[in-house]
Amino acid sequence: MVTIEVLGTGCMKCKRLLKNVEKAVKETGTEADIVKVEDINAIMDKGVMLTPALIINGELKVSGRVADVKEISALIQE
C-alpha cells in the first residue's frame, strides 16, 4: 500500500492537488492511504515551506505547485 500525504492549509491549490491525487490513485488502480495534512505546524515539521506539497511514502515529491494527474500517476508507480 502506498501512503500519500497532501500538505496544505486548505487553499484552492491544495484542494486541486488532493483531487488530482484521488484521480491518479483511481486511474492507476493503486491501493493508497491518502492523508490530508492541514496543520501548519505539522507541515513545517516535515520541512515543507511551500504548499501545496505532496509526499509519497515519506518522500517529498512536489512542493509549491499543483502536480497534474499524469505526473502524480508516474510518481505513484515509481
Protein backbone atom coordinates (compact mmCIF):
# COMPACT_ATOMS: atom_id res chain seq x y z
CA MET A 1 0.00 0.00 0.00
CA VAL A 2 1.18 3.49 -0.85
CA THR A 3 0.93 6.30 1.70
CA ILE A 4 0.24 9.69 0.12
CA GLU A 5 0.20 12.92 2.10
CA VAL A 6 -1.22 16.13 0.66
CA LEU A 7 0.06 19.09 2.65
CA GLY A 8 -1.71 22.43 2.58
CA THR A 9 -3.84 24.72 4.68
CA GLY A 10 -6.98 24.34 2.59
CA CYS A 11 -6.45 26.84 -0.24
CA MET A 12 -7.81 26.22 -3.75
CA LYS A 13 -4.44 24.89 -4.98
CA CYS A 14 -4.31 22.44 -2.08
CA LYS A 15 -7.80 21.20 -2.84
CA ARG A 16 -6.92 20.84 -6.53
CA LEU A 17 -3.84 18.77 -5.66
CA LEU A 18 -5.95 16.50 -3.45
CA LYS A 19 -8.45 15.96 -6.28
CA ASN A 20 -5.61 15.19 -8.70
CA VAL A 21 -4.15 12.67 -6.24
CA GLU A 22 -7.53 10.96 -5.82
CA LYS A 23 -7.96 10.80 -9.60
CA ALA A 24 -4.44 9.41 -10.13
CA VAL A 25 -4.95 6.74 -7.48
CA LYS A 26 -8.23 5.69 -9.11
CA GLU A 27 -6.81 5.68 -12.65
CA THR A 28 -3.75 3.63 -11.69
CA GLY A 29 -5.73 1.23 -9.52
CA THR A 30 -3.26 1.80 -6.69
CA GLU A 31 -4.13 0.83 -3.15
CA ALA A 32 -3.35 4.01 -1.26
CA ASP A 33 -3.87 5.65 2.08
CA ILE A 34 -4.42 9.36 1.33
CA VAL A 35 -3.85 11.73 4.23
CA LYS A 36 -4.65 15.47 4.13
CA VAL A 37 -2.35 17.47 6.42
CA GLU A 38 -3.69 20.98 7.12
CA ASP A 39 -1.98 21.84 10.40
CA ILE A 40 0.73 24.41 9.65
CA ASN A 41 2.98 23.12 12.45
CA ALA A 42 2.75 19.55 11.14
CA ILE A 43 3.56 20.82 7.64
CA MET A 44 6.60 22.73 8.89
CA ASP A 45 7.74 19.71 10.93
CA LYS A 46 8.03 17.84 7.64
CA GLY A 47 10.37 20.56 6.33
CA VAL A 48 7.86 21.94 3.85
CA MET A 49 7.90 25.71 3.37
CA LEU A 50 5.81 25.96 0.18
CA THR A 51 2.36 24.46 -0.17
CA PRO A 52 0.70 22.62 -1.67
CA ALA A 53 3.09 19.73 -1.24
CA LEU A 54 2.94 16.02 -2.00
CA ILE A 55 4.70 13.32 0.00
CA ILE A 56 4.65 9.72 -1.21
CA ASN A 57 5.84 7.01 1.19
CA GLY A 58 7.61 9.60 3.33
CA GLU A 59 9.48 11.25 0.45
CA LEU A 60 8.73 14.84 -0.63
CA LYS A 61 7.92 14.73 -4.34
CA VAL A 62 6.27 18.10 -5.09
CA SER A 63 6.28 21.42 -3.25
CA GLY A 64 4.86 24.83 -4.09
CA ARG A 65 2.76 23.79 -7.08
CA VAL A 66 -0.12 21.60 -8.19
CA ALA A 67 1.06 18.43 -9.91
CA ASP A 68 -1.21 17.17 -12.66
CA VAL A 69 -2.80 13.72 -12.69
CA LYS A 70 -0.27 12.33 -15.20
CA GLU A 71 2.72 13.40 -13.08
CA ILE A 72 1.16 12.05 -9.88
CA SER A 73 0.38 8.74 -11.58
CA ALA A 74 4.04 8.42 -12.61
CA LEU A 75 5.22 9.27 -9.08
CA ILE A 76 2.89 6.70 -7.54
CA GLN A 77 4.18 3.97 -9.83
CA GLU A 78 7.89 4.65 -9.21
